[in-house]
Amino acid sequence: MSDARETDLYRPVKTFLEGQGYVVKSEVGAADVVAVRGGEPPVIVELKLGFSLTLVHQCVSRLSVTDDVYMAVARGKGKRFQKSLKDMTRLCRRLGLGLITVRLSDGLVQVHCDPGPYAPRKNTRREAQLLKEFAGRTGDPNDGGQTRVGLITAYRQDAIKLAMYLFEVGASKGADVARETSVSRATTMMRDDHYGWFEKVETGVYGLTPKGAEAVASSGKVLGG
């Protein structure tokens, strides 16, 4: 697509809209494409070879003229484009914009979403998970904006509590660890051993691995505020 130009998008988009009964003209005012059908509000389409923040700004600006605004981009290939398309479709729905892709090899036009008010359904399960994680955290151990690597979760904080107890007391029964640390899922966590910190000594009894002892030594921020 190195030799492609934004003007290459125009003919397929024009043909597509004309097929729906619109009269289509280019470069009308600040808009790349304007389509009119009878007494209906105009449709505006902004053409770009790829997604960009500039394109989003342009389309949002056109909403002051009409509610029917589309962005049209050249359709790319591969997983990276598919992810970008999915993300941009979601954003367009949020903003009330339409999204069109044009396959330059044959002029295929595909509408991924139409303009209109967005009324998303809230995911109650995700909300419950969010609130559970929030309530389970001790203090505020992470820095806002950091990557997921090294993120301190409520689960990791509970694991540290278990490790600290075993470090101080030694190998113990799961029920005793749960009672003394107030971590009800202690036995399950030590059995699953996601971090490699715990080892089974005998039935129902768990001890601390060298890796677990190292985690205890560097656990200041994990349980800090």
Protein backbone atom coordinates (compact mmCIF):
# COMPACT_ATOMS: atom_id res chain seq x y z
CA MET A 1 0.00 0.00 0.00
CA SER A 2 3.09 2.22 -0.18
CA ASP A 3 1.94 3.76 -3.47
CA ALA A 4 -1.68 4.15 -2.39
CA ARG A 5 -3.23 7.58 -2.02
CA GLU A 6 -6.25 8.80 -0.11
CA THR A 7 -7.88 9.65 -3.43
CA ASP A 8 -7.89 5.91 -4.23
CA LEU A 9 -10.59 5.50 -1.60
CA TYR A 10 -12.95 7.99 -3.18
CA ARG A 11 -14.21 6.08 -6.21
CA PRO A 12 -15.20 2.91 -4.27
CA VAL A 13 -16.92 4.99 -1.56
CA LYS A 14 -18.72 7.11 -4.17
CA THR A 15 -19.93 4.03 -6.03
CA PHE A 16 -21.08 2.43 -2.79
CA LEU A 17 -23.12 5.47 -1.74
CA GLU A 18 -24.56 6.01 -5.20
CA GLY A 19 -25.77 2.44 -5.09
CA GLN A 20 -27.91 3.47 -2.12
CA GLY A 21 -29.45 6.38 -3.96
CA TYR A 22 -27.14 9.20 -2.84
CA VAL A 23 -25.77 12.01 -4.95
CA VAL A 24 -22.09 12.15 -4.06
CA LYS A 25 -19.54 14.97 -4.42
CA SER A 26 -15.99 15.34 -3.16
CA GLU A 27 -14.16 18.14 -1.34
CA VAL A 28 -17.24 20.10 -0.35
CA GLY A 29 -16.23 22.65 2.25
CA ALA A 30 -13.89 20.97 4.72
CA ALA A 31 -15.33 17.49 4.08
CA ASP A 32 -13.68 14.88 1.87
CA VAL A 33 -16.99 13.40 0.73
CA VAL A 34 -20.58 14.63 1.01
CA ALA A 35 -23.57 12.50 0.04
CA VAL A 36 -27.18 13.73 -0.16
CA ARG A 37 -30.35 11.74 -0.67
CA GLY A 38 -33.60 13.64 -1.05
CA GLY A 39 -34.43 15.74 1.98
CA GLU A 40 -32.36 13.63 4.39
CA PRO A 41 -29.48 15.11 6.41
CA PRO A 42 -26.16 14.96 4.54
CA VAL A 43 -23.70 12.14 5.01
CA ILE A 44 -20.04 13.10 5.44
CA VAL A 45 -17.15 10.70 4.89
CA GLU A 46 -13.54 11.45 5.78
CA LEU A 47 -10.93 9.46 3.84
CA LYS A 48 -7.59 8.27 5.21
CA LEU A 49 -5.23 5.43 4.36
CA GLY A 50 -5.01 4.41 8.03
CA PHE A 51 -6.34 5.07 11.49
CA SER A 52 -5.05 8.12 13.33
CA LEU A 53 -6.03 10.53 16.07
CA THR A 54 -6.21 13.26 13.42
CA LEU A 55 -8.87 11.27 11.59
CA VAL A 56 -10.90 10.89 14.77
CA HIS A 57 -10.65 14.63 15.44
CA GLN A 58 -11.79 15.44 11.91
CA CYS A 59 -14.81 13.17 12.16
CA VAL A 60 -15.81 14.50 15.57
CA SER A 61 -15.55 18.03 14.16
CA ARG A 62 -17.92 17.08 11.31
CA LEU A 63 -20.57 16.11 13.86
CA SER A 64 -21.27 19.82 14.24
CA VAL A 65 -22.61 19.71 10.66
CA THR A 66 -24.47 16.40 10.59
CA ASP A 67 -25.04 13.33 12.77
CA ASP A 68 -24.16 11.04 9.86
CA VAL A 69 -20.36 11.03 9.77
CA TYR A 70 -18.17 8.12 8.67
CA MET A 71 -14.45 7.55 8.60
CA ALA A 72 -13.23 5.46 5.67
CA VAL A 73 -9.79 3.79 5.71
CA ALA A 74 -7.93 1.38 3.47
CA ARG A 75 -8.38 -2.18 4.68
CA GLY A 76 -5.14 -3.70 5.86
CA LYS A 77 -4.02 -7.28 6.42
CA GLY A 78 -2.93 -9.34 9.39
CA LYS A 79 -3.75 -9.56 13.07
CA ARG A 80 -2.40 -6.11 13.85
CA PHE A 81 -4.88 -4.44 11.51
CA GLN A 82 -7.72 -6.64 12.75
CA LYS A 83 -7.03 -5.56 16.33
CA SER A 84 -6.86 -1.90 15.30
CA LEU A 85 -10.12 -2.30 13.41
CA LYS A 86 -11.83 -3.87 16.39
CA ASP A 87 -10.58 -1.15 18.74
CA MET A 88 -11.53 1.67 16.36
CA THR A 89 -14.98 0.20 15.76
CA ARG A 90 -15.56 0.23 19.50
CA LEU A 91 -14.34 3.84 19.72
CA CYS A 92 -16.51 4.95 16.79
CA ARG A 93 -19.57 3.47 18.45
CA ARG A 94 -18.73 5.37 21.62
CA LEU A 95 -18.41 8.61 19.67
CA GLY A 96 -21.45 8.07 17.47
CA LEU A 97 -19.38 7.78 14.28
CA GLY A 98 -19.57 5.33 11.40
CA LEU A 99 -16.63 3.26 10.16
CA ILE A 100 -15.97 2.00 6.63
CA THR A 101 -13.06 0.03 5.20
CA VAL A 102 -12.12 -0.10 1.52
CA ARG A 103 -10.12 -2.98 0.05
CA LEU A 104 -8.02 -1.22 -2.55
CA SER A 105 -7.26 -4.35 -4.53
CA ASP A 106 -10.86 -4.63 -5.75
CA GLY A 107 -12.72 -1.65 -4.26
CA LEU A 108 -14.77 -3.73 -1.80
CA VAL A 109 -16.48 -1.44 0.71
CA GLN A 110 -17.50 -2.78 4.13
CA VAL A 111 -19.44 -0.87 6.79
CA HIS A 112 -18.37 -1.93 10.29
CA CYS A 113 -20.66 0.41 12.20
CA ASP A 114 -23.14 3.18 11.43
CA PRO A 115 -23.40 6.53 13.20
CA GLY A 116 -25.82 6.75 16.09
CA PRO A 117 -26.16 7.10 19.85
CA TYR A 118 -24.29 4.49 21.83
CA ALA A 119 -25.98 2.71 24.73
CA PRO A 120 -23.56 0.02 25.95
CA ARG A 121 -24.70 -2.77 28.21
CA LYS A 122 -22.67 -2.87 31.38
CA ASN A 123 -20.87 -6.13 32.13
CA THR A 124 -21.97 -6.83 35.69
CA ARG A 125 -19.53 -9.72 36.04
CA ARG A 126 -16.57 -7.49 35.21
CA GLU A 127 -17.88 -4.82 37.55
CA ALA A 128 -18.08 -7.37 40.36
CA GLN A 129 -14.52 -8.56 39.62
CA LEU A 130 -13.27 -4.97 39.64
CA LEU A 131 -14.89 -4.20 43.00
CA LYS A 132 -13.69 -7.50 44.48
CA GLU A 133 -10.10 -6.74 43.48
CA PHE A 134 -10.42 -3.18 44.80
CA ALA A 135 -11.76 -4.34 48.17
CA GLY A 136 -9.15 -7.09 48.43
CA ARG A 137 -6.15 -4.77 48.01
CA THR A 138 -4.23 -3.67 51.09
CA GLY A 139 -3.28 -0.01 50.62
CA ASP A 140 -2.33 1.26 47.18
CA PRO A 141 0.92 -0.54 46.23
CA ASN A 142 1.02 0.17 42.48
CA ASP A 143 1.94 3.24 40.46
CA GLY A 144 -0.85 4.43 38.18
CA GLY A 145 0.05 3.86 34.53
CA GLN A 146 2.59 1.08 35.09
CA THR A 147 2.66 -1.99 32.86
CA ARG A 148 1.02 -5.26 33.91
CA VAL A 149 4.45 -6.75 34.60
CA GLY A 150 5.07 -6.74 38.34
CA LEU A 151 1.56 -5.51 39.13
CA ILE A 152 0.65 -6.16 42.75
CA THR A 153 -2.80 -7.73 42.99
CA ALA A 154 -4.96 -8.68 45.96
CA TYR A 155 -4.02 -12.32 45.26
CA ARG A 156 -0.31 -11.53 45.43
CA GLN A 157 -0.80 -9.60 48.66
CA ASP A 158 -2.58 -12.60 50.20
CA ALA A 159 0.22 -14.90 49.02
CA ILE A 160 2.76 -12.64 50.71
CA LYS A 161 0.78 -12.83 53.98
CA LEU A 162 0.96 -16.62 53.80
CA ALA A 163 4.66 -16.58 52.99
CA MET A 164 5.42 -14.20 55.86
CA TYR A 165 3.55 -16.44 58.29
CA LEU A 166 5.44 -19.55 57.15
CA PHE A 167 8.72 -17.62 57.24
CA GLU A 168 8.13 -16.74 60.91
CA VAL A 169 6.45 -19.93 62.14
CA GLY A 170 7.69 -22.64 59.78
CA ALA A 171 5.74 -25.37 58.02
CA SER A 172 2.12 -25.31 59.13
CA LYS A 173 -1.28 -26.81 58.48
CA GLY A 174 -3.33 -24.99 55.92
CA ALA A 175 -6.18 -24.45 58.37
CA ASP A 176 -3.83 -22.81 60.88
CA VAL A 177 -2.35 -20.53 58.21
CA ALA A 178 -5.84 -19.51 57.08
CA ARG A 179 -6.92 -18.70 60.63
CA GLU A 180 -3.83 -16.75 61.61
CA THR A 181 -3.55 -14.73 58.39
CA SER A 182 -7.30 -14.25 57.80
CA VAL A 183 -6.78 -15.54 54.24
CA SER A 184 -9.64 -18.03 53.89
CA ARG A 185 -8.27 -19.56 50.68
CA ALA A 186 -4.82 -20.19 52.19
CA THR A 187 -4.76 -23.96 51.64
CA THR A 188 -5.88 -23.67 48.02
CA MET A 189 -3.33 -20.92 47.30
CA MET A 190 -0.46 -22.89 48.81
CA ARG A 191 -1.52 -26.02 46.94
CA ASP A 192 -1.83 -24.20 43.60
CA ASP A 193 1.48 -22.40 44.26
CA HIS A 194 1.31 -19.93 41.36
CA TYR A 195 4.51 -18.15 42.38
CA GLY A 196 6.66 -21.12 43.38
CA TRP A 197 6.75 -19.96 47.01
CA PHE A 198 5.18 -22.95 48.77
CA GLU A 199 5.90 -26.66 49.02
CA LYS A 200 3.88 -29.52 50.44
CA VAL A 201 5.62 -31.09 53.43
CA GLU A 202 2.94 -33.65 54.19
CA THR A 203 -0.80 -33.96 53.80
CA GLY A 204 -2.35 -30.58 54.62
CA VAL A 205 0.99 -29.09 55.73
CA TYR A 206 2.94 -26.55 53.71
CA GLY A 207 6.32 -24.89 54.02
CA LEU A 208 8.20 -22.06 52.32
CA THR A 209 10.59 -22.48 49.38
CA PRO A 210 13.81 -20.42 49.01
CA LYS A 211 11.99 -18.39 46.35
CA GLY A 212 9.23 -17.71 48.86
CA ALA A 213 11.77 -16.54 51.43
CA GLU A 214 13.20 -14.10 48.85
CA ALA A 215 9.69 -12.78 48.22
CA VAL A 216 9.24 -12.12 51.93
CA ALA A 217 12.53 -10.22 52.06
CA SER A 218 11.36 -7.86 49.32
CA SER A 219 7.73 -7.56 50.37
CA GLY A 220 7.79 -4.03 51.79
CA LYS A 221 5.83 -2.31 49.00
CA VAL A 222 3.56 -5.30 48.38
CA LEU A 223 1.72 -4.73 51.65
CA GLY A 224 2.50 -1.04 51.94
CA GLY A 225 0.09 1.88 51.47
